[in-house]
Amino acid sequence: MDRPLLNANQQRRVVTHLRLLQEDLADMASWPELARPGDPYAGLRDLIARLRERVESLRGKLGLPPDEGPPLRRRVMATAEVWATSMEDVRARQLKGYGPVHSDLARALDPHLNEIIQLLQGMAKLAASLPER
């Protein structure tokens, strides 16, 4: 008997991320601006369609179960975790790549980011107490 490539926890994690990507791509595909004719709009529509196909192909390759949609618990946890990680990218020290950083920016920005990140982490932790379904 072949051993599965993913354990149950890994499978849930992958399924949740693929579902969130699928939802974002479906949302993006519905944006009225993308219905405009010509390039780059047609190219973007094509890439969205190709991404959606690749996600489905990956689901099949990994033998993931039918997508019933993640429970509220998983959606909240994944969203909070992604945003908590993403907020690290806008700390004052990370903005150097976009130009000179004002010497007072870290004092003005970073404490607020710390609070936002803590709230997002609290959200993920609280969501973990929700029922699985």
C-alpha atoms as a PDB file:
ATOM      1  CA  MET A   1       0.000   0.000   0.000  1.00  0.00           C
ATOM      2  CA  ASP A   2       1.345   3.419  -0.940  1.00  0.00           C
ATOM      3  CA  ARG A   3       1.838   5.895   1.845  1.00  0.00           C
ATOM      4  CA  PRO A   4      -0.090   9.178   1.294  1.00  0.00           C
ATOM      5  CA  LEU A   5       2.055  12.175   0.403  1.00  0.00           C
ATOM      6  CA  LEU A   6       0.275  14.363   2.968  1.00  0.00           C
ATOM      7  CA  ASN A   7      -0.794  13.618   6.516  1.00  0.00           C
ATOM      8  CA  ALA A   8      -4.237  14.857   7.635  1.00  0.00           C
ATOM      9  CA  ASN A   9      -2.942  18.156   9.026  1.00  0.00           C
ATOM     10  CA  GLN A  10      -0.851  18.854   5.927  1.00  0.00           C
ATOM     11  CA  GLN A  11      -3.792  17.995   3.719  1.00  0.00           C
ATOM     12  CA  ARG A  12      -6.068  20.429   5.564  1.00  0.00           C
ATOM     13  CA  ARG A  13      -3.427  23.144   5.268  1.00  0.00           C
ATOM     14  CA  VAL A  14      -2.947  22.627   1.521  1.00  0.00           C
ATOM     15  CA  VAL A  15      -6.693  22.356   0.864  1.00  0.00           C
ATOM     16  CA  THR A  16      -7.322  25.583   2.803  1.00  0.00           C
ATOM     17  CA  HIS A  17      -4.676  27.524   0.891  1.00  0.00           C
ATOM     18  CA  LEU A  18      -5.824  26.204  -2.472  1.00  0.00           C
ATOM     19  CA  ARG A  19      -9.412  27.072  -1.593  1.00  0.00           C
ATOM     20  CA  LEU A  20      -8.458  30.639  -0.624  1.00  0.00           C
ATOM     21  CA  LEU A  21      -6.534  31.013  -3.882  1.00  0.00           C
ATOM     22  CA  GLN A  22      -9.493  29.644  -5.842  1.00  0.00           C
ATOM     23  CA  GLU A  23     -11.827  32.091  -4.119  1.00  0.00           C
ATOM     24  CA  ASP A  24      -9.533  35.032  -4.851  1.00  0.00           C
ATOM     25  CA  LEU A  25      -9.173  33.981  -8.491  1.00  0.00           C
ATOM     26  CA  ALA A  26     -12.942  33.602  -8.875  1.00  0.00           C
ATOM     27  CA  ASP A  27     -13.407  37.032  -7.323  1.00  0.00           C
ATOM     28  CA  MET A  28     -10.765  38.521  -9.605  1.00  0.00           C
ATOM     29  CA  ALA A  29     -12.370  36.923 -12.677  1.00  0.00           C
ATOM     30  CA  SER A  30     -15.602  38.750 -11.840  1.00  0.00           C
ATOM     31  CA  TRP A  31     -14.044  42.217 -11.760  1.00  0.00           C
ATOM     32  CA  PRO A  32     -15.727  44.337 -14.458  1.00  0.00           C
ATOM     33  CA  GLU A  33     -12.436  45.976 -15.444  1.00  0.00           C
ATOM     34  CA  LEU A  34     -11.066  42.612 -16.577  1.00  0.00           C
ATOM     35  CA  ALA A  35     -13.882  42.226 -19.106  1.00  0.00           C
ATOM     36  CA  ARG A  36     -12.348  44.952 -21.275  1.00  0.00           C
ATOM     37  CA  PRO A  37     -11.193  43.848 -24.728  1.00  0.00           C
ATOM     38  CA  GLY A  38      -7.593  43.471 -25.804  1.00  0.00           C
ATOM     39  CA  ASP A  39      -4.343  43.128 -23.945  1.00  0.00           C
ATOM     40  CA  PRO A  40      -3.406  43.108 -21.150  1.00  0.00           C
ATOM     41  CA  TYR A  41      -6.990  42.274 -20.087  1.00  0.00           C
ATOM     42  CA  ALA A  42      -7.225  39.152 -22.262  1.00  0.00           C
ATOM     43  CA  GLY A  43      -3.826  38.036 -20.977  1.00  0.00           C
ATOM     44  CA  LEU A  44      -4.955  38.436 -17.381  1.00  0.00           C
ATOM     45  CA  ARG A  45      -8.163  36.496 -18.040  1.00  0.00           C
ATOM     46  CA  ASP A  46      -6.079  33.743 -19.627  1.00  0.00           C
ATOM     47  CA  LEU A  47      -3.684  33.612 -16.656  1.00  0.00           C
ATOM     48  CA  ILE A  48      -6.585  33.468 -14.209  1.00  0.00           C
ATOM     49  CA  ALA A  49      -8.091  30.557 -16.158  1.00  0.00           C
ATOM     50  CA  ARG A  50      -4.719  28.783 -16.330  1.00  0.00           C
ATOM     51  CA  LEU A  51      -4.154  29.255 -12.598  1.00  0.00           C
ATOM     52  CA  ARG A  52      -7.588  27.842 -11.831  1.00  0.00           C
ATOM     53  CA  GLU A  53      -6.833  24.818 -14.018  1.00  0.00           C
ATOM     54  CA  ARG A  54      -3.436  24.288 -12.346  1.00  0.00           C
ATOM     55  CA  VAL A  55      -5.008  24.409  -8.888  1.00  0.00           C
ATOM     56  CA  GLU A  56      -7.514  21.736  -9.935  1.00  0.00           C
ATOM     57  CA  SER A  57      -4.734  19.679 -11.497  1.00  0.00           C
ATOM     58  CA  LEU A  58      -2.715  19.856  -8.273  1.00  0.00           C
ATOM     59  CA  ARG A  59      -5.763  18.828  -6.261  1.00  0.00           C
ATOM     60  CA  GLY A  60      -6.123  15.763  -8.483  1.00  0.00           C
ATOM     61  CA  LYS A  61      -2.417  14.901  -8.408  1.00  0.00           C
ATOM     62  CA  LEU A  62      -2.399  14.965  -4.600  1.00  0.00           C
ATOM     63  CA  GLY A  63      -5.678  13.057  -4.402  1.00  0.00           C
ATOM     64  CA  LEU A  64      -7.281  15.761  -2.273  1.00  0.00           C
ATOM     65  CA  PRO A  65     -10.873  15.146  -1.204  1.00  0.00           C
ATOM     66  CA  PRO A  66     -13.763  16.962  -2.892  1.00  0.00           C
ATOM     67  CA  ASP A  67     -13.771  20.599  -1.892  1.00  0.00           C
ATOM     68  CA  GLU A  68     -16.682  21.182   0.436  1.00  0.00           C
ATOM     69  CA  GLY A  69     -15.255  24.542   1.366  1.00  0.00           C
ATOM     70  CA  PRO A  70     -13.300  25.069   4.507  1.00  0.00           C
ATOM     71  CA  PRO A  71     -15.147  25.566   7.733  1.00  0.00           C
ATOM     72  CA  LEU A  72     -15.214  29.009   9.299  1.00  0.00           C
ATOM     73  CA  ARG A  73     -12.445  27.927  11.640  1.00  0.00           C
ATOM     74  CA  ARG A  74      -9.994  27.237   8.794  1.00  0.00           C
ATOM     75  CA  ARG A  75     -10.948  30.342   6.786  1.00  0.00           C
ATOM     76  CA  VAL A  76     -10.445  32.693   9.726  1.00  0.00           C
ATOM     77  CA  MET A  77      -7.209  31.020  10.824  1.00  0.00           C
ATOM     78  CA  ALA A  78      -5.706  31.049   7.326  1.00  0.00           C
ATOM     79  CA  THR A  79      -6.712  34.637   6.624  1.00  0.00           C
ATOM     80  CA  ALA A  80      -5.358  35.866   9.955  1.00  0.00           C
ATOM     81  CA  GLU A  81      -2.087  33.941   9.566  1.00  0.00           C
ATOM     82  CA  VAL A  82      -1.505  35.171   6.016  1.00  0.00           C
ATOM     83  CA  TRP A  83      -2.140  38.789   6.975  1.00  0.00           C
ATOM     84  CA  ALA A  84      -0.036  38.601  10.135  1.00  0.00           C
ATOM     85  CA  THR A  85       2.877  37.377   8.024  1.00  0.00           C
ATOM     86  CA  SER A  86       2.212  39.928   5.285  1.00  0.00           C
ATOM     87  CA  MET A  87       2.164  42.821   7.742  1.00  0.00           C
ATOM     88  CA  GLU A  88       5.816  42.085   8.529  1.00  0.00           C
ATOM     89  CA  ASP A  89       6.625  43.276   5.001  1.00  0.00           C
ATOM     90  CA  VAL A  90       5.535  46.842   5.728  1.00  0.00           C
ATOM     91  CA  ARG A  91       7.677  47.432   8.804  1.00  0.00           C
ATOM     92  CA  ALA A  92       9.884  50.499   8.504  1.00  0.00           C
ATOM     93  CA  ARG A  93      13.064  48.454   8.047  1.00  0.00           C
ATOM     94  CA  GLN A  94      11.459  46.514   5.193  1.00  0.00           C
ATOM     95  CA  LEU A  95      10.575  49.682   3.296  1.00  0.00           C
ATOM     96  CA  LYS A  96      14.210  50.556   2.562  1.00  0.00           C
ATOM     97  CA  GLY A  97      13.920  48.781  -0.759  1.00  0.00           C
ATOM     98  CA  TYR A  98      11.351  51.383  -1.809  1.00  0.00           C
ATOM     99  CA  GLY A  99      13.496  54.398  -1.031  1.00  0.00           C
ATOM    100  CA  PRO A 100      14.991  56.262   1.907  1.00  0.00           C
ATOM    101  CA  VAL A 101      13.104  55.681   5.159  1.00  0.00           C
ATOM    102  CA  HIS A 102      12.336  58.630   7.422  1.00  0.00           C
ATOM    103  CA  SER A 103      14.170  58.322  10.746  1.00  0.00           C
ATOM    104  CA  ASP A 104      10.892  58.626  12.707  1.00  0.00           C
ATOM    105  CA  LEU A 105       8.918  56.111  10.644  1.00  0.00           C
ATOM    106  CA  ALA A 106       9.719  53.059  12.795  1.00  0.00           C
ATOM    107  CA  ARG A 107       8.447  54.806  15.941  1.00  0.00           C
ATOM    108  CA  ALA A 108       5.245  55.874  14.179  1.00  0.00           C
ATOM    109  CA  LEU A 109       4.543  52.728  12.168  1.00  0.00           C
ATOM    110  CA  ASP A 110       5.925  49.659  13.907  1.00  0.00           C
ATOM    111  CA  PRO A 111       3.990  49.878  17.208  1.00  0.00           C
ATOM    112  CA  HIS A 112       0.737  49.989  15.230  1.00  0.00           C
ATOM    113  CA  LEU A 113       1.864  47.047  13.108  1.00  0.00           C
ATOM    114  CA  ASN A 114       2.746  45.136  16.286  1.00  0.00           C
ATOM    115  CA  GLU A 115      -0.788  45.708  17.560  1.00  0.00           C
ATOM    116  CA  ILE A 116      -2.359  44.678  14.258  1.00  0.00           C
ATOM    117  CA  ILE A 117      -0.209  41.530  14.106  1.00  0.00           C
ATOM    118  CA  GLN A 118      -1.071  40.652  17.717  1.00  0.00           C
ATOM    119  CA  LEU A 119      -4.779  41.116  16.987  1.00  0.00           C
ATOM    120  CA  LEU A 120      -4.498  38.912  13.899  1.00  0.00           C
ATOM    121  CA  GLN A 121      -2.657  36.251  15.909  1.00  0.00           C
ATOM    122  CA  GLY A 122      -5.356  36.502  18.566  1.00  0.00           C
ATOM    123  CA  MET A 123      -7.958  36.063  15.854  1.00  0.00           C
ATOM    124  CA  ALA A 124      -6.233  32.898  14.619  1.00  0.00           C
ATOM    125  CA  LYS A 125      -5.972  31.548  18.148  1.00  0.00           C
ATOM    126  CA  LEU A 126      -9.623  32.277  18.898  1.00  0.00           C
ATOM    127  CA  ALA A 127     -10.683  30.736  15.590  1.00  0.00           C
ATOM    128  CA  ALA A 128      -8.845  27.557  16.575  1.00  0.00           C
ATOM    129  CA  SER A 129     -11.448  27.120  19.316  1.00  0.00           C
ATOM    130  CA  LEU A 130     -14.304  27.050  16.784  1.00  0.00           C
ATOM    131  CA  PRO A 131     -15.791  23.669  15.866  1.00  0.00           C
ATOM    132  CA  GLU A 132     -14.173  21.945  12.875  1.00  0.00           C
ATOM    133  CA  ARG A 133     -17.522  21.916  11.024  1.00  0.00           C
END
